[in-house]
PDB file of N, CA and C in Angstrom:
ATOM      1  N   MET A   1      10.014 -16.221 -22.195  1.00  0.00           N
ATOM      2  CA  MET A   1      10.808 -17.548 -23.326  1.00  0.00           C
ATOM      3  C   MET A   1      11.289 -18.547 -22.426  1.00  0.00           C
ATOM      4  N   TYR A   2      11.652 -18.402 -21.022  1.00  0.00           N
ATOM      5  CA  TYR A   2      12.624 -19.508 -20.385  1.00  0.00           C
ATOM      6  C   TYR A   2      11.311 -20.253 -20.232  1.00  0.00           C
ATOM      7  N   ILE A   3      10.569 -19.853 -19.963  1.00  0.00           N
ATOM      8  CA  ILE A   3       9.271 -21.095 -19.427  1.00  0.00           C
ATOM      9  C   ILE A   3       8.772 -21.485 -20.522  1.00  0.00           C
ATOM     10  N   LEU A   4       8.655 -20.910 -21.673  1.00  0.00           N
ATOM     11  CA  LEU A   4       7.813 -21.612 -23.164  1.00  0.00           C
ATOM     12  C   LEU A   4       8.852 -22.596 -23.598  1.00  0.00           C
ATOM     13  N   LEU A   5      10.297 -22.299 -23.568  1.00  0.00           N
ATOM     14  CA  LEU A   5      11.631 -23.136 -23.709  1.00  0.00           C
ATOM     15  C   LEU A   5      11.272 -24.413 -22.923  1.00  0.00           C
ATOM     16  N   LEU A   6      11.149 -23.917 -21.632  1.00  0.00           N
ATOM     17  CA  LEU A   6      11.261 -25.337 -20.819  1.00  0.00           C
ATOM     18  C   LEU A   6      10.255 -25.799 -20.652  1.00  0.00           C
ATOM     19  N   ILE A   7       8.871 -25.470 -21.576  1.00  0.00           N
ATOM     20  CA  ILE A   7       7.582 -26.261 -21.735  1.00  0.00           C
ATOM     21  C   ILE A   7       7.859 -27.144 -22.955  1.00  0.00           C
ATOM     22  N   PHE A   8       8.393 -26.532 -23.455  1.00  0.00           N
ATOM     23  CA  PHE A   8       8.876 -27.417 -25.166  1.00  0.00           C
ATOM     24  C   PHE A   8       9.665 -28.361 -25.296  1.00  0.00           C
ATOM     25  N   HIS A   9      10.864 -28.252 -23.891  1.00  0.00           N
ATOM     26  CA  HIS A   9      11.705 -29.266 -24.027  1.00  0.00           C
ATOM     27  C   HIS A   9      11.030 -30.574 -23.188  1.00  0.00           C
ATOM     28  N   ILE A  10      10.013 -30.075 -22.207  1.00  0.00           N
ATOM     29  CA  ILE A  10       9.531 -31.093 -21.336  1.00  0.00           C
ATOM     30  C   ILE A  10       8.454 -32.205 -22.483  1.00  0.00           C
ATOM     31  N   LEU A  11       8.108 -31.380 -23.212  1.00  0.00           N
ATOM     32  CA  LEU A  11       7.113 -32.165 -24.387  1.00  0.00           C
ATOM     33  C   LEU A  11       7.805 -32.731 -25.357  1.00  0.00           C
ATOM     34  N   VAL A  12       9.133 -32.502 -25.994  1.00  0.00           N
ATOM     35  CA  VAL A  12      10.299 -33.181 -26.530  1.00  0.00           C
ATOM     36  C   VAL A  12      10.634 -34.237 -25.954  1.00  0.00           C
ATOM     37  N   SER A  13      11.129 -34.534 -24.857  1.00  0.00           N
ATOM     38  CA  SER A  13      11.757 -35.170 -23.658  1.00  0.00           C
ATOM     39  C   SER A  13      10.547 -36.562 -23.700  1.00  0.00           C
ATOM     40  N   ILE A  14       9.339 -36.050 -23.610  1.00  0.00           N
ATOM     41  CA  ILE A  14       7.976 -37.130 -23.340  1.00  0.00           C
ATOM     42  C   ILE A  14       7.667 -37.862 -24.614  1.00  0.00           C
ATOM     43  N   PHE A  15       8.044 -37.045 -25.845  1.00  0.00           N
ATOM     44  CA  PHE A  15       7.645 -37.527 -27.296  1.00  0.00           C
ATOM     45  C   PHE A  15       8.936 -38.418 -27.446  1.00  0.00           C
ATOM     46  N   LEU A  16      10.158 -38.093 -26.986  1.00  0.00           N
ATOM     47  CA  LEU A  16      11.596 -38.719 -27.276  1.00  0.00           C
ATOM     48  C   LEU A  16      11.358 -40.369 -26.671  1.00  0.00           C
ATOM     49  N   VAL A  17      10.913 -39.888 -25.060  1.00  0.00           N
ATOM     50  CA  VAL A  17      10.747 -41.616 -24.930  1.00  0.00           C
ATOM     51  C   VAL A  17       9.385 -42.105 -25.179  1.00  0.00           C
ATOM     52  N   MET A  18       8.723 -41.849 -25.990  1.00  0.00           N
ATOM     53  CA  MET A  18       7.363 -42.467 -26.384  1.00  0.00           C
ATOM     54  C   MET A  18       8.164 -43.359 -28.027  1.00  0.00           C
ATOM     55  N   ALA A  19       8.836 -42.617 -28.504  1.00  0.00           N
ATOM     56  CA  ALA A  19       9.213 -43.108 -29.633  1.00  0.00           C
ATOM     57  C   ALA A  19      10.149 -43.902 -29.858  1.00  0.00           C
ATOM     58  N   VAL A  20      11.494 -43.656 -28.823  1.00  0.00           N
ATOM     59  CA  VAL A  20      12.043 -44.891 -27.853  1.00  0.00           C
ATOM     60  C   VAL A  20      11.236 -46.077 -27.680  1.00  0.00           C
ATOM     61  N   LEU A  21      10.128 -45.912 -27.017  1.00  0.00           N
ATOM     62  CA  LEU A  21       9.541 -47.095 -26.560  1.00  0.00           C
ATOM     63  C   LEU A  21       8.660 -48.036 -27.500  1.00  0.00           C
ATOM     64  N   ILE A  22       8.422 -47.254 -28.652  1.00  0.00           N
ATOM     65  CA  ILE A  22       7.418 -47.596 -29.444  1.00  0.00           C
ATOM     66  C   ILE A  22       8.503 -48.503 -30.357  1.00  0.00           C
ATOM     67  N   GLN A  23       9.941 -48.360 -30.678  1.00  0.00           N
ATOM     68  CA  GLN A  23      10.537 -49.228 -31.684  1.00  0.00           C
ATOM     69  C   GLN A  23      10.952 -50.258 -31.107  1.00  0.00           C
ATOM     70  N   SER A  24      10.336 -51.591 -32.337  1.00  0.00           N
ATOM     71  CA  SER A  24      10.722 -52.800 -31.306  1.00  0.00           C
ATOM     72  C   SER A  24      12.304 -53.114 -31.472  1.00  0.00           C
ATOM     73  N   GLY A  25      12.974 -52.713 -32.546  1.00  0.00           N
ATOM     74  CA  GLY A  25      13.812 -52.834 -33.051  1.00  0.00           C
ATOM     75  C   GLY A  25      14.830 -54.646 -33.465  1.00  0.00           C
ATOM     76  N   LYS A  26      15.924 -54.648 -33.792  1.00  0.00           N
ATOM     77  CA  LYS A  26      16.668 -55.954 -34.127  1.00  0.00           C
ATOM     78  C   LYS A  26      16.979 -56.795 -32.572  1.00  0.00           C
ATOM     79  N   GLY A  27      16.651 -57.836 -32.023  1.00  0.00           N
ATOM     80  CA  GLY A  27      16.564 -58.460 -30.873  1.00  0.00           C
ATOM     81  C   GLY A  27      16.380 -57.939 -29.915  1.00  0.00           C
ATOM     82  N   SER A  28      15.174 -57.383 -29.531  1.00  0.00           N
ATOM     83  CA  SER A  28      14.396 -57.193 -28.476  1.00  0.00           C
ATOM     84  C   SER A  28      13.355 -58.174 -28.167  1.00  0.00           C
ATOM     85  N   SER A  29      13.525 -59.164 -28.392  1.00  0.00           N
ATOM     86  CA  SER A  29      12.231 -60.299 -28.304  1.00  0.00           C
ATOM     87  C   SER A  29      12.793 -61.126 -27.508  1.00  0.00           C
ATOM     88  N   MET A  30      12.289 -62.102 -26.325  1.00  0.00           N
ATOM     89  CA  MET A  30      12.897 -62.672 -25.661  1.00  0.00           C
ATOM     90  C   MET A  30      13.483 -64.248 -26.260  1.00  0.00           C
ATOM     91  N   ALA A  31      13.418 -64.340 -27.491  1.00  0.00           N
ATOM     92  CA  ALA A  31      13.645 -65.584 -28.440  1.00  0.00           C
ATOM     93  C   ALA A  31      15.247 -64.965 -28.816  1.00  0.00           C
ATOM     94  N   ASN A  32      15.437 -64.088 -28.948  1.00  0.00           N
ATOM     95  CA  ASN A  32      16.726 -63.767 -29.492  1.00  0.00           C
ATOM     96  C   ASN A  32      17.740 -63.963 -27.940  1.00  0.00           C
ATOM     97  N   ILE A  33      17.045 -63.574 -26.680  1.00  0.00           N
ATOM     98  CA  ILE A  33      18.610 -63.760 -25.767  1.00  0.00           C
ATOM     99  C   ILE A  33      18.874 -64.925 -25.608  1.00  0.00           C
ATOM    100  N   PHE A  34      17.957 -66.243 -26.346  1.00  0.00           N
ATOM    101  CA  PHE A  34      18.441 -67.657 -26.298  1.00  0.00           C
ATOM    102  C   PHE A  34      19.171 -68.210 -27.487  1.00  0.00           C
ATOM    103  N   GLY A  35      19.007 -67.236 -28.358  1.00  0.00           N
ATOM    104  CA  GLY A  35      19.186 -67.673 -29.558  1.00  0.00           C
ATOM    105  C   GLY A  35      18.606 -68.334 -31.106  1.00  0.00           C
ATOM    106  N   GLY A  36      17.217 -67.970 -30.601  1.00  0.00           N
ATOM    107  CA  GLY A  36      16.405 -68.604 -31.396  1.00  0.00           C
ATOM    108  C   GLY A  36      15.719 -67.281 -32.420  1.00  0.00           C
ATOM    109  N   GLY A  37      16.289 -65.958 -32.476  1.00  0.00           N
ATOM    110  CA  GLY A  37      15.713 -64.663 -33.322  1.00  0.00           C
ATOM    111  C   GLY A  37      15.726 -65.125 -34.708  1.00  0.00           C
ATOM    112  N   GLY A  38      16.385 -66.043 -35.302  1.00  0.00           N
ATOM    113  CA  GLY A  38      16.300 -65.987 -36.820  1.00  0.00           C
ATOM    114  C   GLY A  38      15.003 -65.679 -37.465  1.00  0.00           C
ATOM    115  N   MET A  39      14.009 -66.018 -37.247  1.00  0.00           N
ATOM    116  CA  MET A  39      12.719 -65.986 -37.795  1.00  0.00           C
ATOM    117  C   MET A  39      12.246 -64.478 -37.899  1.00  0.00           C
ATOM    118  N   GLU A  40      12.361 -63.559 -37.202  1.00  0.00           N
ATOM    119  CA  GLU A  40      12.630 -62.050 -36.993  1.00  0.00           C
ATOM    120  C   GLU A  40      12.850 -61.710 -38.291  1.00  0.00           C
ATOM    121  N   THR A  41      14.331 -62.192 -38.460  1.00  0.00           N
ATOM    122  CA  THR A  41      14.991 -61.400 -39.671  1.00  0.00           C
ATOM    123  C   THR A  41      14.334 -61.976 -40.974  1.00  0.00           C
ATOM    124  N   VAL A  42      13.914 -62.660 -40.692  1.00  0.00           N
ATOM    125  CA  VAL A  42      13.401 -63.507 -42.174  1.00  0.00           C
ATOM    126  C   VAL A  42      11.968 -62.550 -42.702  1.00  0.00           C
ATOM    127  N   PHE A  43      11.499 -62.212 -41.503  1.00  0.00           N
ATOM    128  CA  PHE A  43       9.956 -61.723 -42.246  1.00  0.00           C
ATOM    129  C   PHE A  43      10.317 -59.851 -41.448  1.00  0.00           C
ATOM    130  N   GLY A  44      11.622 -59.442 -41.356  1.00  0.00           N
ATOM    131  CA  GLY A  44      11.510 -58.011 -40.872  1.00  0.00           C
ATOM    132  C   GLY A  44      11.035 -57.474 -39.592  1.00  0.00           C
ATOM    133  N   ALA A  45      12.000 -57.604 -39.026  1.00  0.00           N
ATOM    134  CA  ALA A  45      11.512 -56.732 -37.398  1.00  0.00           C
ATOM    135  C   ALA A  45      12.293 -55.348 -37.408  1.00  0.00           C
ATOM    136  N   GLU A  46      12.878 -54.796 -38.576  1.00  0.00           N
ATOM    137  CA  GLU A  46      13.299 -53.471 -38.521  1.00  0.00           C
ATOM    138  C   GLU A  46      12.171 -52.297 -38.315  1.00  0.00           C
ATOM    139  N   THR A  47      12.880 -51.437 -37.549  1.00  0.00           N
ATOM    140  CA  THR A  47      11.726 -50.383 -37.281  1.00  0.00           C
ATOM    141  C   THR A  47      11.480 -49.398 -38.828  1.00  0.00           C
ATOM    142  N   PRO A  48      10.427 -48.932 -38.993  1.00  0.00           N
ATOM    143  CA  PRO A  48      10.495 -48.598 -40.181  1.00  0.00           C
ATOM    144  C   PRO A  48      11.092 -46.912 -40.483  1.00  0.00           C
ATOM    145  N   ALA A  49      11.402 -46.733 -41.410  1.00  0.00           N
ATOM    146  CA  ALA A  49      12.840 -45.287 -41.564  1.00  0.00           C
ATOM    147  C   ALA A  49      11.715 -44.217 -40.906  1.00  0.00           C
ATOM    148  N   ILE A  50      10.796 -43.935 -41.014  1.00  0.00           N
ATOM    149  CA  ILE A  50       9.638 -42.873 -40.622  1.00  0.00           C
ATOM    150  C   ILE A  50      10.131 -42.954 -39.214  1.00  0.00           C
ATOM    151  N   MET A  51      10.269 -43.764 -38.286  1.00  0.00           N
ATOM    152  CA  MET A  51      10.168 -43.839 -36.851  1.00  0.00           C
ATOM    153  C   MET A  51      11.498 -43.365 -36.533  1.00  0.00           C
ATOM    154  N   ASN A  52      12.569 -44.521 -37.428  1.00  0.00           N
ATOM    155  CA  ASN A  52      14.009 -43.715 -37.167  1.00  0.00           C
ATOM    156  C   ASN A  52      14.439 -42.178 -37.316  1.00  0.00           C
ATOM    157  N   ARG A  53      13.740 -41.617 -38.431  1.00  0.00           N
ATOM    158  CA  ARG A  53      13.966 -40.160 -38.324  1.00  0.00           C
ATOM    159  C   ARG A  53      13.148 -39.155 -37.303  1.00  0.00           C
ATOM    160  N   ILE A  54      12.172 -39.880 -36.993  1.00  0.00           N
ATOM    161  CA  ILE A  54      11.126 -39.289 -36.110  1.00  0.00           C
ATOM    162  C   ILE A  54      11.908 -38.982 -34.811  1.00  0.00           C
ATOM    163  N   THR A  55      12.830 -40.692 -34.205  1.00  0.00           N
ATOM    164  CA  THR A  55      13.469 -40.366 -33.452  1.00  0.00           C
ATOM    165  C   THR A  55      14.510 -39.479 -33.230  1.00  0.00           C
ATOM    166  N   ALA A  56      15.365 -39.344 -34.271  1.00  0.00           N
ATOM    167  CA  ALA A  56      16.560 -38.686 -34.344  1.00  0.00           C
ATOM    168  C   ALA A  56      16.006 -37.060 -34.535  1.00  0.00           C
ATOM    169  N   PHE A  57      14.869 -36.833 -35.166  1.00  0.00           N
ATOM    170  CA  PHE A  57      14.668 -35.244 -35.061  1.00  0.00           C
ATOM    171  C   PHE A  57      14.669 -34.880 -33.632  1.00  0.00           C
ATOM    172  N   LEU A  58      13.613 -36.081 -32.804  1.00  0.00           N
ATOM    173  CA  LEU A  58      13.222 -35.261 -31.239  1.00  0.00           C
ATOM    174  C   LEU A  58      14.714 -35.614 -30.260  1.00  0.00           C
ATOM    175  N   ALA A  59      15.395 -36.247 -30.902  1.00  0.00           N
ATOM    176  CA  ALA A  59      16.718 -36.240 -30.076  1.00  0.00           C
ATOM    177  C   ALA A  59      17.687 -35.078 -30.394  1.00  0.00           C
ATOM    178  N   ILE A  60      17.617 -34.350 -31.712  1.00  0.00           N
ATOM    179  CA  ILE A  60      18.135 -33.502 -32.286  1.00  0.00           C
ATOM    180  C   ILE A  60      17.554 -32.359 -31.253  1.00  0.00           C
ATOM    181  N   MET A  61      16.303 -32.226 -30.975  1.00  0.00           N
ATOM    182  CA  MET A  61      15.501 -31.114 -30.628  1.00  0.00           C
ATOM    183  C   MET A  61      15.379 -30.856 -29.025  1.00  0.00           C
ATOM    184  N   PHE A  62      16.160 -32.058 -28.396  1.00  0.00           N
ATOM    185  CA  PHE A  62      16.492 -32.310 -27.244  1.00  0.00           C
ATOM    186  C   PHE A  62      17.445 -32.220 -27.069  1.00  0.00           C
ATOM    187  N   ILE A  63      18.326 -32.034 -27.871  1.00  0.00           N
ATOM    188  CA  ILE A  63      19.946 -31.509 -27.086  1.00  0.00           C
ATOM    189  C   ILE A  63      19.719 -29.890 -27.648  1.00  0.00           C
ATOM    190  N   ILE A  64      19.622 -29.728 -28.549  1.00  0.00           N
ATOM    191  CA  ILE A  64      19.472 -28.148 -28.600  1.00  0.00           C
ATOM    192  C   ILE A  64      18.295 -27.288 -27.603  1.00  0.00           C
ATOM    193  N   THR A  65      17.296 -27.872 -27.137  1.00  0.00           N
ATOM    194  CA  THR A  65      16.615 -27.497 -26.074  1.00  0.00           C
ATOM    195  C   THR A  65      17.464 -27.530 -24.641  1.00  0.00           C
ATOM    196  N   SER A  66      18.019 -28.600 -24.618  1.00  0.00           N
ATOM    197  CA  SER A  66      19.089 -28.716 -23.090  1.00  0.00           C
ATOM    198  C   SER A  66      19.960 -27.757 -23.299  1.00  0.00           C
ATOM    199  N   LEU A  67      20.570 -27.259 -24.471  1.00  0.00           N
ATOM    200  CA  LEU A  67      21.832 -26.549 -24.698  1.00  0.00           C
ATOM    201  C   LEU A  67      21.444 -25.047 -24.072  1.00  0.00           C
ATOM    202  N   LEU A  68      20.035 -24.686 -24.875  1.00  0.00           N
ATOM    203  CA  LEU A  68      19.221 -23.403 -25.042  1.00  0.00           C
ATOM    204  C   LEU A  68      19.093 -23.240 -23.206  1.00  0.00           C
ATOM    205  N   LEU A  69      18.881 -24.415 -22.750  1.00  0.00           N
ATOM    206  CA  LEU A  69      18.134 -23.921 -21.292  1.00  0.00           C
ATOM    207  C   LEU A  69      19.430 -24.043 -20.238  1.00  0.00           C
ATOM    208  N   ALA A  70      20.494 -24.329 -20.525  1.00  0.00           N
ATOM    209  CA  ALA A  70      21.791 -24.269 -20.164  1.00  0.00           C
ATOM    210  C   ALA A  70      22.281 -22.791 -20.123  1.00  0.00           C
ATOM    211  N   ILE A  71      21.868 -21.772 -21.413  1.00  0.00           N
ATOM    212  CA  ILE A  71      22.737 -20.830 -21.780  1.00  0.00           C
ATOM    213  C   ILE A  71      21.658 -19.885 -21.447  1.00  0.00           C
ATOM    214  N   ILE A  72      20.501 -19.895 -21.194  1.00  0.00           N
ATOM    215  CA  ILE A  72      19.640 -18.559 -21.569  1.00  0.00           C
ATOM    216  C   ILE A  72      19.230 -17.895 -20.057  1.00  0.00           C
ATOM    217  N   PRO A  73      19.665 -19.095 -18.832  1.00  0.00           N
ATOM    218  CA  PRO A  73      19.820 -18.476 -17.689  1.00  0.00           C
ATOM    219  C   PRO A  73      20.909 -17.530 -16.928  1.00  0.00           C
ATOM    220  N   GLY A  74      22.081 -17.782 -17.738  1.00  0.00           N
ATOM    221  CA  GLY A  74      23.069 -16.963 -17.812  1.00  0.00           C
ATOM    222  C   GLY A  74      23.344 -15.467 -18.518  1.00  0.00           C
ATOM    223  N   LYS A  75      22.028 -15.707 -19.435  1.00  0.00           N
ATOM    224  CA  LYS A  75      22.015 -14.262 -19.869  1.00  0.00           C
ATOM    225  C   LYS A  75      21.038 -13.384 -18.954  1.00  0.00           C
ATOM    226  N   LEU A  76      19.862 -14.395 -18.648  1.00  0.00           N
ATOM    227  CA  LEU A  76      18.882 -13.365 -18.141  1.00  0.00           C
ATOM    228  C   LEU A  76      19.354 -12.634 -16.475  1.00  0.00           C
ATOM    229  N   THR A  77      19.963 -13.458 -15.864  1.00  0.00           N
ATOM    230  CA  THR A  77      20.489 -13.041 -14.716  1.00  0.00           C
ATOM    231  C   THR A  77      21.648 -11.878 -15.046  1.00  0.00           C
ATOM    232  N   THR A  78      21.066 -10.530 -14.384  1.00  0.00           N
ATOM    233  CA  THR A  78      21.926  -9.367 -13.993  1.00  0.00           C
ATOM    234  C   THR A  78      22.721  -9.336 -12.787  1.00  0.00           C
ATOM    235  N   ARG A  79      22.201  -9.983 -11.908  1.00  0.00           N
ATOM    236  CA  ARG A  79      23.032  -9.668 -10.691  1.00  0.00           C
ATOM    237  C   ARG A  79      23.894 -10.004 -10.244  1.00  0.00           C
ATOM    238  N   SER A  80      24.607 -10.191  -9.777  1.00  0.00           N
ATOM    239  CA  SER A  80      26.216 -10.817  -9.436  1.00  0.00           C
ATOM    240  C   SER A  80      26.570 -10.982  -8.048  1.00  0.00           C
ATOM    241  N   ILE A  81      26.831 -11.997  -7.020  1.00  0.00           N
ATOM    242  CA  ILE A  81      26.996 -11.745  -6.206  1.00  0.00           C
ATOM    243  C   ILE A  81      28.628 -11.361  -5.602  1.00  0.00           C
ATOM    244  N   LEU A  82      29.233 -11.959  -6.542  1.00  0.00           N
ATOM    245  CA  LEU A  82      30.766 -11.548  -6.802  1.00  0.00           C
ATOM    246  C   LEU A  82      30.780  -9.822  -6.499  1.00  0.00           C
ATOM    247  N   LYS A  83      30.179  -9.597  -7.934  1.00  0.00           N
ATOM    248  CA  LYS A  83      30.341  -7.389  -8.180  1.00  0.00           C
ATOM    249  C   LYS A  83      29.530  -6.871  -7.297  1.00  0.00           C
ATOM    250  N   GLU A  84      28.520  -7.674  -6.165  1.00  0.00           N
ATOM    251  CA  GLU A  84      28.115  -7.069  -5.059  1.00  0.00           C
ATOM    252  C   GLU A  84      29.131  -7.114  -3.726  1.00  0.00           C
ATOM    253  N   GLU A  85      29.581  -8.275  -3.653  1.00  0.00           N
ATOM    254  CA  GLU A  85      31.009  -8.156  -2.221  1.00  0.00           C
ATOM    255  C   GLU A  85      32.115  -6.978  -3.023  1.00  0.00           C
ATOM    256  N   LEU A  86      32.366  -7.458  -4.036  1.00  0.00           N
ATOM    257  CA  LEU A  86      33.692  -5.971  -4.565  1.00  0.00           C
ATOM    258  C   LEU A  86      33.149  -4.447  -4.068  1.00  0.00           C
ATOM    259  N   ASN A  87      32.218  -4.472  -4.346  1.00  0.00           N
ATOM    260  CA  ASN A  87      31.482  -3.005  -4.059  1.00  0.00           C
ATOM    261  C   ASN A  87      31.329  -2.902  -3.074  1.00  0.00           C
ATOM    262  N   LYS A  88      31.248  -3.644  -1.848  1.00  0.00           N
ATOM    263  CA  LYS A  88      31.020  -3.137  -0.523  1.00  0.00           C
ATOM    264  C   LYS A  88      32.105  -2.597  -0.066  1.00  0.00           C
ATOM    265  N   PRO A  89      31.511  -1.525   1.299  1.00  0.00           N
ATOM    266  CA  PRO A  89      32.851  -0.667   1.645  1.00  0.00           C
ATOM    267  C   PRO A  89      33.429  -1.883   2.700  1.00  0.00           C
ATOM    268  N   LYS A  90      34.751  -1.384   2.991  1.00  0.00           N
ATOM    269  CA  LYS A  90      35.555  -2.595   3.476  1.00  0.00           C
ATOM    270  C   LYS A  90      35.728  -1.832   5.051  1.00  0.00           C
ATOM    271  N   LYS A  91      35.748  -2.462   5.776  1.00  0.00           N
ATOM    272  CA  LYS A  91      36.153  -2.219   7.117  1.00  0.00           C
ATOM    273  C   LYS A  91      37.521  -2.051   7.473  1.00  0.00           C
ATOM    274  N   VAL A  92      37.881  -0.490   8.039  1.00  0.00           N
ATOM    275  CA  VAL A  92      39.516  -0.725   8.072  1.00  0.00           C
ATOM    276  C   VAL A  92      39.480  -0.574   9.451  1.00  0.00           C
ATOM    277  N   LEU A  93      40.381  -1.579  10.209  1.00  0.00           N
ATOM    278  CA  LEU A  93      40.841  -1.399  11.735  1.00  0.00           C
ATOM    279  C   LEU A  93      41.546  -0.311  11.837  1.00  0.00           C
ATOM    280  N   PRO A  94      41.507   0.374  12.900  1.00  0.00           N
ATOM    281  CA  PRO A  94      42.429   1.471  13.220  1.00  0.00           C
ATOM    282  C   PRO A  94      43.756   1.233  13.588  1.00  0.00           C
ATOM    283  N   LEU A  95      45.205   1.180  13.172  1.00  0.00           N
ATOM    284  CA  LEU A  95      46.474   0.980  13.739  1.00  0.00           C
ATOM    285  C   LEU A  95      46.577   1.429  15.400  1.00  0.00           C
ATOM    286  N   PRO A  96      47.374   0.675  15.712  1.00  0.00           N
ATOM    287  CA  PRO A  96      47.738   1.530  17.185  1.00  0.00           C
ATOM    288  C   PRO A  96      48.613   2.531  16.812  1.00  0.00           C
ATOM    289  N   SER A  97      48.561   3.787  17.960  1.00  0.00           N
ATOM    290  CA  SER A  97      49.370   4.960  17.701  1.00  0.00           C
ATOM    291  C   SER A  97      50.727   4.412  18.230  1.00  0.00           C
ATOM    292  N   THR A  98      50.939   3.695  19.054  1.00  0.00           N
ATOM    293  CA  THR A  98      52.925   3.573  19.466  1.00  0.00           C
ATOM    294  C   THR A  98      52.790   1.931  19.159  1.00  0.00           C
ATOM    295  N   PRO A  99      54.060   1.646  19.126  1.00  0.00           N
ATOM    296  CA  PRO A  99      54.449  -0.016  18.950  1.00  0.00           C
ATOM    297  C   PRO A  99      54.390  -0.607  20.119  1.00  0.00           C
ATOM    298  N   PRO A 100      54.048  -1.478  20.480  1.00  0.00           N
ATOM    299  CA  PRO A 100      54.570  -2.112  21.558  1.00  0.00           C
ATOM    300  C   PRO A 100      56.060  -2.072  21.628  1.00  0.00           C
ATOM    301  N   SER A 101      56.135  -2.114  22.815  1.00  0.00           N
ATOM    302  CA  SER A 101      57.672  -2.233  23.556  1.00  0.00           C
ATOM    303  C   SER A 101      58.155  -3.474  23.737  1.00  0.00           C
ATOM    304  N   ASN A 102      59.723  -3.774  23.391  1.00  0.00           N
ATOM    305  CA  ASN A 102      60.033  -5.026  23.596  1.00  0.00           C
ATOM    306  C   ASN A 102      60.543  -5.316  24.676  1.00  0.00           C
ATOM    307  N   ASN A 103      60.548  -4.617  25.781  1.00  0.00           N
ATOM    308  CA  ASN A 103      61.223  -4.451  27.172  1.00  0.00           C
ATOM    309  C   ASN A 103      60.307  -5.491  28.235  1.00  0.00           C
TER     310      ASN A 103
END
């Protein structure tokens, strides 16, 4: 299941990058950098609504798959290094039988 989710996440990531790069948006041309972008707004340089919806859907899917990929590995692991260390028998050093004298 984890591998399938990872493959789905990679595909969503690729499609999200493509959807963002396809959009032109306002102010994306060289003329807008120097203040000559007034003609584009007259003829409508906005991104179509369907592209906005596709991008929003892909972004939501990206966030959901990212969260699932962060949560699922913790549920799959049953082995804990800390629990193994606590269950190991501890070495006990023997105490000296007579205390050292201070004379």
